[in-house]
N, C-alpha and C. Protein backbone atom coordinates (compact mmCIF):
# COMPACT_ATOMS: atom_id res chain seq x y z
N MET A 1 -3.52 1.37 -17.52
CA MET A 1 -4.06 1.78 -16.19
C MET A 1 -3.17 3.06 -15.88
N ALA A 2 -3.92 3.71 -15.52
CA ALA A 2 -3.88 5.52 -14.91
C ALA A 2 -3.96 5.36 -13.37
N LEU A 3 -2.87 5.84 -13.00
CA LEU A 3 -2.85 5.97 -11.49
C LEU A 3 -3.14 7.50 -10.80
N GLU A 4 -3.94 7.66 -9.92
CA GLU A 4 -4.54 8.71 -9.45
C GLU A 4 -3.82 8.94 -7.94
N PHE A 5 -3.00 10.07 -7.72
CA PHE A 5 -2.35 10.04 -6.62
C PHE A 5 -3.69 10.51 -5.60
N ILE A 6 -3.70 9.66 -4.33
CA ILE A 6 -4.70 10.01 -3.25
C ILE A 6 -4.07 11.01 -1.96
N GLY A 7 -3.10 10.26 -1.77
CA GLY A 7 -2.37 11.13 -0.57
C GLY A 7 -1.25 10.29 -0.11
N THR A 8 -0.71 11.01 0.82
CA THR A 8 0.74 10.43 1.37
C THR A 8 0.76 10.99 2.84
N THR A 9 1.28 10.55 3.88
CA THR A 9 1.42 10.95 5.22
C THR A 9 3.15 11.18 5.15
N SER A 10 3.75 11.17 4.05
CA SER A 10 5.21 11.35 4.48
C SER A 10 5.33 12.99 4.07
N LYS A 11 6.48 13.66 4.80
CA LYS A 11 6.67 14.93 4.70
C LYS A 11 7.91 15.04 3.68
N ASP A 12 8.50 14.12 3.46
CA ASP A 12 9.51 14.53 2.58
C ASP A 12 9.32 13.89 1.11
N GLY A 13 8.08 13.57 0.68
CA GLY A 13 7.95 13.16 -0.70
C GLY A 13 7.95 11.62 -1.11
N ASP A 14 8.46 10.71 0.09
CA ASP A 14 8.53 9.34 -0.61
C ASP A 14 7.51 8.59 0.09
N CYS A 15 7.66 7.36 0.33
CA CYS A 15 6.38 6.62 0.83
C CYS A 15 6.18 6.95 2.26
N PRO A 16 5.28 6.42 2.84
CA PRO A 16 3.92 5.63 2.32
C PRO A 16 2.94 6.94 1.25
N THR A 17 2.55 6.12 0.18
CA THR A 17 1.80 6.88 -0.68
C THR A 17 0.31 5.92 -0.99
N LEU A 18 -0.78 6.46 -1.10
CA LEU A 18 -1.88 5.77 -1.76
C LEU A 18 -2.21 6.39 -3.19
N TYR A 19 -2.44 5.30 -4.13
CA TYR A 19 -2.90 5.56 -5.34
C TYR A 19 -4.17 5.01 -5.80
N ARG A 20 -5.04 5.28 -6.55
CA ARG A 20 -6.17 4.67 -7.14
C ARG A 20 -5.85 4.17 -8.72
N ASP A 21 -6.24 2.99 -9.01
CA ASP A 21 -6.18 2.73 -10.42
C ASP A 21 -7.59 3.35 -10.99
N THR A 22 -7.71 4.44 -11.71
CA THR A 22 -8.86 5.01 -12.27
C THR A 22 -9.77 4.03 -13.33
N GLU A 23 -8.94 3.26 -13.69
CA GLU A 23 -9.73 2.03 -14.65
C GLU A 23 -10.56 1.24 -13.86
N THR A 24 -10.00 0.44 -12.92
CA THR A 24 -10.52 -0.87 -12.25
C THR A 24 -11.06 -0.29 -11.00
N GLY A 25 -10.65 0.94 -10.21
CA GLY A 25 -10.94 1.17 -8.86
C GLY A 25 -10.31 0.66 -7.88
N ASN A 26 -9.16 -0.10 -8.22
CA ASN A 26 -8.35 -0.84 -7.23
C ASN A 26 -7.26 0.13 -6.58
N TYR A 27 -6.88 -0.09 -5.44
CA TYR A 27 -5.91 0.71 -4.86
C TYR A 27 -4.25 0.31 -5.12
N VAL A 28 -3.33 1.18 -5.16
CA VAL A 28 -1.93 1.00 -5.17
C VAL A 28 -1.19 1.45 -4.07
N VAL A 29 -0.32 0.61 -3.24
CA VAL A 29 0.12 1.39 -1.97
C VAL A 29 1.72 1.27 -2.28
N GLN A 30 2.25 2.56 -1.92
CA GLN A 30 3.76 2.51 -2.22
C GLN A 30 4.26 2.59 -0.53
N GLY A 31 5.17 1.69 -0.42
CA GLY A 31 5.60 1.57 1.02
C GLY A 31 6.79 0.81 0.87
N ASP A 32 7.36 0.84 2.33
CA ASP A 32 8.55 -0.01 2.62
C ASP A 32 8.17 -1.53 2.57
N ARG A 33 9.00 -2.25 1.85
CA ARG A 33 8.93 -3.71 1.70
C ARG A 33 8.90 -4.48 3.09
N LEU A 34 8.05 -5.39 3.34
CA LEU A 34 7.99 -6.26 4.47
C LEU A 34 9.13 -7.44 4.33
N THR A 35 10.26 -7.29 4.79
CA THR A 35 11.34 -8.20 5.15
C THR A 35 11.37 -9.11 6.20
N ASP A 36 10.99 -8.56 7.13
CA ASP A 36 10.93 -9.37 8.41
C ASP A 36 10.53 -10.98 8.15
N PRO A 37 11.69 -11.68 8.57
CA PRO A 37 11.43 -13.24 8.00
C PRO A 37 10.25 -13.74 9.19
N GLU A 38 10.14 -13.31 10.21
CA GLU A 38 9.10 -14.01 11.17
C GLU A 38 7.73 -13.49 10.73
N HIS A 39 7.53 -12.33 10.15
CA HIS A 39 6.25 -11.84 9.80
C HIS A 39 6.09 -12.39 8.50
N LEU A 40 7.06 -12.34 7.42
CA LEU A 40 6.76 -13.22 6.29
C LEU A 40 6.25 -14.66 6.55
N ALA A 41 6.99 -15.64 7.35
CA ALA A 41 6.54 -16.85 7.63
C ALA A 41 5.29 -16.94 8.20
N GLN A 42 4.55 -15.95 8.74
CA GLN A 42 2.93 -15.72 9.12
C GLN A 42 1.97 -15.68 8.06
N LEU A 43 2.58 -15.21 6.94
CA LEU A 43 1.48 -15.09 5.67
C LEU A 43 1.01 -16.10 4.80
N ARG A 44 -0.13 -16.47 4.59
CA ARG A 44 -0.87 -17.52 4.13
C ARG A 44 -1.01 -17.29 2.48
N ASP A 45 -1.19 -18.50 1.95
CA ASP A 45 -1.62 -18.49 0.29
C ASP A 45 -0.76 -17.13 -0.46
N VAL A 46 0.41 -17.21 -0.29
CA VAL A 46 1.18 -16.36 -0.93
C VAL A 46 1.51 -16.75 -2.30
N LYS A 47 1.25 -16.14 -3.53
CA LYS A 47 1.73 -16.31 -4.85
C LYS A 47 3.05 -15.95 -5.33
N ASP A 48 3.52 -16.29 -6.16
CA ASP A 48 5.06 -15.99 -6.62
C ASP A 48 5.02 -14.43 -6.96
N SER A 49 4.07 -14.00 -7.43
CA SER A 49 3.93 -12.52 -8.15
C SER A 49 3.48 -11.78 -7.17
N GLU A 50 3.26 -12.18 -5.80
CA GLU A 50 2.90 -10.95 -4.81
C GLU A 50 4.28 -10.59 -3.89
N THR A 51 4.18 -9.35 -3.25
CA THR A 51 4.84 -8.91 -2.46
C THR A 51 4.11 -8.00 -1.67
N PHE A 52 4.73 -7.67 -0.53
CA PHE A 52 3.92 -6.94 0.64
C PHE A 52 4.60 -5.98 1.17
N VAL A 53 3.92 -4.91 1.38
CA VAL A 53 4.57 -3.46 1.78
C VAL A 53 4.00 -3.23 3.17
N VAL A 54 4.64 -2.51 4.21
CA VAL A 54 4.08 -2.03 5.31
C VAL A 54 3.39 -0.69 5.18
N VAL A 55 1.97 -0.81 5.46
CA VAL A 55 1.06 0.39 5.57
C VAL A 55 0.64 1.14 6.67
N PRO A 56 1.34 2.19 7.10
CA PRO A 56 1.09 2.70 8.27
C PRO A 56 -0.55 3.01 8.40
N ALA A 57 -1.07 2.96 9.50
CA ALA A 57 -2.52 3.26 10.00
C ALA A 57 -2.70 4.58 9.74
N ALA A 58 -2.03 5.13 9.98
CA ALA A 58 -2.45 6.74 9.58
C ALA A 58 -2.54 7.20 7.99
N LEU A 59 -1.90 6.16 7.00
CA LEU A 59 -2.29 6.38 5.93
C LEU A 59 -3.72 5.97 5.34
N LEU A 60 -4.02 4.98 5.80
CA LEU A 60 -5.28 4.35 5.57
C LEU A 60 -6.54 5.20 6.40
N THR A 61 -6.11 5.24 7.65
CA THR A 61 -7.32 6.35 8.38
C THR A 61 -7.41 7.67 7.66
N ARG A 62 -6.57 8.15 6.95
CA ARG A 62 -6.46 9.52 6.49
C ARG A 62 -7.21 9.24 4.97
N PHE A 63 -6.69 8.27 4.34
CA PHE A 63 -6.97 8.37 2.72
C PHE A 63 -7.82 7.35 2.11
N ALA A 64 -8.12 6.27 3.09
CA ALA A 64 -8.69 5.28 2.40
C ALA A 64 -10.24 5.46 2.16
N PRO A 65 -10.92 4.98 1.48
CA PRO A 65 -12.44 5.35 1.16
C PRO A 65 -13.17 4.97 2.34
N LYS A 66 -14.12 5.62 2.40
CA LYS A 66 -15.23 5.25 3.65
C LYS A 66 -16.25 4.77 3.48
N GLU A 67 -16.71 4.47 2.07
CA GLU A 67 -17.94 3.68 2.02
C GLU A 67 -17.31 2.08 1.95
């Protein structure tokens, strides 16, 4: 897997950041882990291998594909 840096809304170089897997076309999001128990309890069909990150709307509206 080769990741292509798409963009970030961070001013100091950490998260949130968006990447694209150049082999599959899938996206990878770097962000703060969702830890709020009330929010986690509302998630459905969660696999043991999954984790959740908070994605600011500004990151997606600025860098997500438009098609």
